[in-house]
Amino acid sequence: MLDAAEQTLAAAAEEDRDDLRSRLEQRLVLQLAAYLDRYPDMGEGLAALLPAPQDDAPSEGAPVSTAQDNTNSQIVQASGSLDAGSGAINYAVPPRDLP
């Protein structure tokens, strides 16, 4: 069931994936709920097969970054100081004069 859903999603056109993902998730949730209704003792076994839920919320004080509308651009993420020495950092662009 999960493998078939993954293959269907991978074969879908990119512009259709969000809608398709939503429909597949709804379908799988209903099927898993029906399975657990029929076989309630299989809950622990099923839970062992699924990845553990993860907390996506950043911890307090942790930096938060977003990158939007960055087609054909480079994103640099550093957890400390980023020093280019005496020059500038350039990636696939002509160097610029520094004052």
Protein backbone atom coordinates (compact mmCIF):
# COMPACT_ATOMS: atom_id res chain seq x y z
CA MET A 1 0.00 0.00 0.00
CA LEU A 2 2.72 2.47 1.01
CA ASP A 3 5.02 1.41 -1.82
CA ALA A 4 2.23 1.86 -4.38
CA ALA A 5 1.43 5.32 -3.00
CA GLU A 6 5.11 6.29 -3.16
CA GLN A 7 5.38 5.13 -6.78
CA THR A 8 2.18 6.97 -7.74
CA LEU A 9 3.47 10.16 -6.18
CA ALA A 10 6.89 9.85 -7.82
CA ALA A 11 5.30 9.33 -11.26
CA ALA A 12 2.97 12.33 -10.93
CA ALA A 13 3.68 15.66 -12.60
CA GLU A 14 5.25 18.12 -10.16
CA GLU A 15 2.34 20.55 -10.35
CA ASP A 16 -0.07 17.77 -9.30
CA ARG A 17 1.98 16.35 -6.41
CA ASP A 18 0.63 18.48 -3.55
CA ASP A 19 -2.99 17.62 -4.36
CA LEU A 20 -2.14 13.98 -5.00
CA ARG A 21 -0.11 13.75 -1.77
CA SER A 22 -3.07 15.08 0.20
CA ARG A 23 -5.47 12.58 -1.38
CA LEU A 24 -3.05 9.68 -0.84
CA GLU A 25 -2.52 10.64 2.80
CA GLN A 26 -6.29 10.76 3.41
CA ARG A 27 -6.75 7.39 1.74
CA LEU A 28 -3.91 5.76 3.68
CA VAL A 29 -5.13 7.16 7.01
CA LEU A 30 -8.61 5.74 6.37
CA GLN A 31 -7.19 2.36 5.35
CA LEU A 32 -4.91 2.20 8.38
CA ALA A 33 -7.78 3.17 10.68
CA ALA A 34 -9.96 0.43 9.16
CA TYR A 35 -7.12 -2.09 9.57
CA LEU A 36 -6.69 -1.17 13.24
CA ASP A 37 -10.44 -1.42 13.81
CA ARG A 38 -10.36 -4.95 12.45
CA TYR A 39 -7.06 -5.95 14.11
CA PRO A 40 -6.69 -3.77 17.23
CA ASP A 41 -3.88 -5.93 18.63
CA MET A 42 -1.66 -4.97 15.65
CA GLY A 43 -1.27 -1.34 16.75
CA GLU A 44 2.13 -1.82 18.37
CA GLY A 45 3.46 -3.80 15.42
CA LEU A 46 2.27 -1.16 13.00
CA ALA A 47 3.76 1.64 15.11
CA ALA A 48 7.12 -0.14 15.03
CA LEU A 49 7.10 -0.01 11.21
CA LEU A 50 6.45 3.72 11.01
CA PRO A 51 9.02 6.45 11.63
CA ALA A 52 8.84 8.11 15.03
CA PRO A 53 7.14 11.52 15.00
CA GLN A 54 9.58 14.38 15.17
CA ASP A 55 9.11 17.78 16.70
CA ASP A 56 9.70 20.29 13.89
CA ALA A 57 9.47 23.30 16.19
CA PRO A 58 12.84 25.00 16.68
CA SER A 59 14.15 25.02 20.22
CA GLU A 60 14.00 28.31 22.09
CA GLY A 61 16.82 30.60 21.07
CA ALA A 62 17.67 28.57 17.97
CA PRO A 63 18.08 30.56 14.75
CA VAL A 64 15.33 30.21 12.17
CA SER A 65 16.01 30.61 8.45
CA THR A 66 13.76 30.69 5.43
CA ALA A 67 14.61 30.96 1.75
CA GLN A 68 11.92 31.91 -0.73
CA ASP A 69 11.91 32.85 -4.40
CA ASN A 70 15.56 31.88 -4.72
CA THR A 71 15.62 30.35 -8.18
CA ASN A 72 19.14 30.30 -9.64
CA SER A 73 20.70 31.53 -6.41
CA GLN A 74 23.04 30.18 -3.78
CA ILE A 75 22.07 29.89 -0.11
CA VAL A 76 24.77 29.77 2.55
CA GLN A 77 23.90 28.70 6.07
CA ALA A 78 26.48 28.96 8.83
CA SER A 79 26.18 28.35 12.55
CA GLY A 80 28.91 30.86 13.29
CA SER A 81 30.87 33.67 11.72
CA LEU A 82 31.32 33.52 7.96
CA ASP A 83 34.52 35.31 7.01
CA ALA A 84 35.83 35.78 3.50
CA GLY A 85 39.13 37.19 4.64
CA SER A 86 40.07 40.39 2.81
CA GLY A 87 37.75 39.82 -0.13
CA ALA A 88 34.09 39.18 -0.76
CA ILE A 89 32.14 36.00 -1.16
CA ASN A 90 31.00 35.56 -4.75
CA TYR A 91 29.39 32.55 -6.32
CA ALA A 92 29.02 32.50 -10.12
CA VAL A 93 28.78 36.26 -10.30
CA PRO A 94 31.42 38.79 -11.33
CA PRO A 95 33.37 40.22 -8.38
CA ARG A 96 32.32 43.65 -7.21
CA ASP A 97 34.48 46.54 -6.10
CA LEU A 98 34.57 46.91 -2.32
CA PRO A 99 34.81 50.39 -0.80
